[in-house]
Amino acid sequence: MAAATKPSDSRIAATIIELAQARGAGKTLCPSEAARALAKDWRELMPDVRRVAAQLAHEGRIAVYQRGGVVDAATGGPIRLGLPPQLG
């Protein structure tokens, strides 16, 4: 039954982007914030949130940060999500 209520990848992506935009440039959010916004049992959603965040980062729509720098989304450990750094 949990699978039927699991949010779609597009809904996860929209939530990540909405939260990142609301936070603004130079600010980040924890992936768990997106998971919590989507489901009461948010811990089970974390692998999906990280996977979708990796795809968004690959597309250049968000950036994945660790210790203040942009990292590959496959990086293990704690990560933060935010808007991509401005170029130029």
C-alpha atoms as a PDB file:
ATOM      1  CA  MET A   1       0.000   0.000   0.000  1.00  0.00           C
ATOM      2  CA  ALA A   2       2.901   2.394   0.654  1.00  0.00           C
ATOM      3  CA  ALA A   3       3.941   2.142  -3.003  1.00  0.00           C
ATOM      4  CA  ALA A   4       0.556   3.535  -4.084  1.00  0.00           C
ATOM      5  CA  THR A   5       1.062   6.697  -2.030  1.00  0.00           C
ATOM      6  CA  LYS A   6       4.719   7.192  -2.971  1.00  0.00           C
ATOM      7  CA  PRO A   7       5.224  10.539  -4.760  1.00  0.00           C
ATOM      8  CA  SER A   8       6.268  10.468  -8.401  1.00  0.00           C
ATOM      9  CA  ASP A   9       9.726  11.527  -9.510  1.00  0.00           C
ATOM     10  CA  SER A  10       8.212  14.631 -11.091  1.00  0.00           C
ATOM     11  CA  ARG A  11       6.575  15.591  -7.780  1.00  0.00           C
ATOM     12  CA  ILE A  12       9.863  15.004  -5.926  1.00  0.00           C
ATOM     13  CA  ALA A  13      11.698  17.136  -8.500  1.00  0.00           C
ATOM     14  CA  ALA A  14       9.129  19.927  -8.266  1.00  0.00           C
ATOM     15  CA  THR A  15       9.390  19.939  -4.470  1.00  0.00           C
ATOM     16  CA  ILE A  16      13.202  20.086  -4.506  1.00  0.00           C
ATOM     17  CA  ILE A  17      13.166  22.966  -6.997  1.00  0.00           C
ATOM     18  CA  GLU A  18      10.414  24.846  -5.138  1.00  0.00           C
ATOM     19  CA  LEU A  19      12.310  24.581  -1.845  1.00  0.00           C
ATOM     20  CA  ALA A  20      15.611  25.612  -3.451  1.00  0.00           C
ATOM     21  CA  GLN A  21      14.005  28.626  -5.130  1.00  0.00           C
ATOM     22  CA  ALA A  22      12.238  29.631  -1.925  1.00  0.00           C
ATOM     23  CA  ARG A  23      15.542  29.416  -0.068  1.00  0.00           C
ATOM     24  CA  GLY A  24      17.245  31.589  -2.689  1.00  0.00           C
ATOM     25  CA  ALA A  25      20.709  31.926  -4.156  1.00  0.00           C
ATOM     26  CA  GLY A  26      23.559  31.029  -1.861  1.00  0.00           C
ATOM     27  CA  LYS A  27      21.318  29.057   0.505  1.00  0.00           C
ATOM     28  CA  THR A  28      20.896  25.285   0.683  1.00  0.00           C
ATOM     29  CA  LEU A  29      18.498  22.723   2.061  1.00  0.00           C
ATOM     30  CA  CYS A  30      18.873  19.225   3.393  1.00  0.00           C
ATOM     31  CA  PRO A  31      17.382  16.514   1.164  1.00  0.00           C
ATOM     32  CA  SER A  32      15.347  15.430   4.196  1.00  0.00           C
ATOM     33  CA  GLU A  33      13.458  18.737   4.021  1.00  0.00           C
ATOM     34  CA  ALA A  34      12.110  17.731   0.613  1.00  0.00           C
ATOM     35  CA  ALA A  35      11.291  14.230   1.860  1.00  0.00           C
ATOM     36  CA  ARG A  36       9.475  15.650   4.894  1.00  0.00           C
ATOM     37  CA  ALA A  37       7.438  17.952   2.652  1.00  0.00           C
ATOM     38  CA  LEU A  38       6.306  14.946   0.627  1.00  0.00           C
ATOM     39  CA  ALA A  39       5.577  12.180   3.112  1.00  0.00           C
ATOM     40  CA  LYS A  40       4.872  11.547   6.753  1.00  0.00           C
ATOM     41  CA  ASP A  41       7.164   8.499   6.625  1.00  0.00           C
ATOM     42  CA  TRP A  42       9.899  10.575   4.996  1.00  0.00           C
ATOM     43  CA  ARG A  43      12.870   8.319   5.805  1.00  0.00           C
ATOM     44  CA  GLU A  44      11.730   5.716   3.276  1.00  0.00           C
ATOM     45  CA  LEU A  45      11.681   8.441   0.632  1.00  0.00           C
ATOM     46  CA  MET A  46      15.305   9.537   1.101  1.00  0.00           C
ATOM     47  CA  PRO A  47      16.854   7.256  -1.566  1.00  0.00           C
ATOM     48  CA  ASP A  48      14.325   8.559  -4.101  1.00  0.00           C
ATOM     49  CA  VAL A  49      14.980  12.181  -3.131  1.00  0.00           C
ATOM     50  CA  ARG A  50      18.743  11.701  -3.518  1.00  0.00           C
ATOM     51  CA  ARG A  51      18.281   9.931  -6.861  1.00  0.00           C
ATOM     52  CA  VAL A  52      16.008  12.665  -8.237  1.00  0.00           C
ATOM     53  CA  ALA A  53      18.349  15.358  -6.890  1.00  0.00           C
ATOM     54  CA  ALA A  54      21.231  13.687  -8.752  1.00  0.00           C
ATOM     55  CA  GLN A  55      19.230  13.825 -11.977  1.00  0.00           C
ATOM     56  CA  LEU A  56      18.334  17.492 -11.414  1.00  0.00           C
ATOM     57  CA  ALA A  57      21.998  18.269 -10.759  1.00  0.00           C
ATOM     58  CA  HIS A  58      22.990  16.416 -13.942  1.00  0.00           C
ATOM     59  CA  GLU A  59      20.495  18.618 -15.833  1.00  0.00           C
ATOM     60  CA  GLY A  60      21.954  21.752 -14.213  1.00  0.00           C
ATOM     61  CA  ARG A  61      18.682  22.641 -12.480  1.00  0.00           C
ATOM     62  CA  ILE A  62      20.136  22.393  -8.963  1.00  0.00           C
ATOM     63  CA  ALA A  63      23.571  21.841  -7.448  1.00  0.00           C
ATOM     64  CA  VAL A  64      24.665  19.334  -4.832  1.00  0.00           C
ATOM     65  CA  TYR A  65      26.894  20.765  -2.119  1.00  0.00           C
ATOM     66  CA  GLN A  66      29.109  19.293   0.551  1.00  0.00           C
ATOM     67  CA  ARG A  67      31.219  21.368   2.925  1.00  0.00           C
ATOM     68  CA  GLY A  68      30.312  24.497   0.975  1.00  0.00           C
ATOM     69  CA  GLY A  69      31.484  23.253  -2.423  1.00  0.00           C
ATOM     70  CA  VAL A  70      29.715  21.723  -5.382  1.00  0.00           C
ATOM     71  CA  VAL A  71      30.198  17.954  -5.528  1.00  0.00           C
ATOM     72  CA  ASP A  72      29.054  15.057  -7.673  1.00  0.00           C
ATOM     73  CA  ALA A  73      25.613  13.881  -6.608  1.00  0.00           C
ATOM     74  CA  ALA A  74      26.976  10.355  -6.107  1.00  0.00           C
ATOM     75  CA  THR A  75      29.169  11.639  -3.282  1.00  0.00           C
ATOM     76  CA  GLY A  76      28.472   9.755  -0.096  1.00  0.00           C
ATOM     77  CA  GLY A  77      27.769  11.343   3.222  1.00  0.00           C
ATOM     78  CA  PRO A  78      25.741  14.401   4.070  1.00  0.00           C
ATOM     79  CA  ILE A  79      24.842  16.647   1.164  1.00  0.00           C
ATOM     80  CA  ARG A  80      22.901  19.853   0.704  1.00  0.00           C
ATOM     81  CA  LEU A  81      20.830  20.959  -2.266  1.00  0.00           C
ATOM     82  CA  GLY A  82      20.544  24.429  -3.703  1.00  0.00           C
ATOM     83  CA  LEU A  83      20.404  26.563  -6.773  1.00  0.00           C
ATOM     84  CA  PRO A  84      23.427  26.230  -9.064  1.00  0.00           C
ATOM     85  CA  PRO A  85      26.175  28.789  -8.527  1.00  0.00           C
ATOM     86  CA  GLN A  86      25.942  31.751 -10.875  1.00  0.00           C
ATOM     87  CA  LEU A  87      28.427  31.772 -13.717  1.00  0.00           C
ATOM     88  CA  GLY A  88      30.295  34.854 -14.810  1.00  0.00           C
END
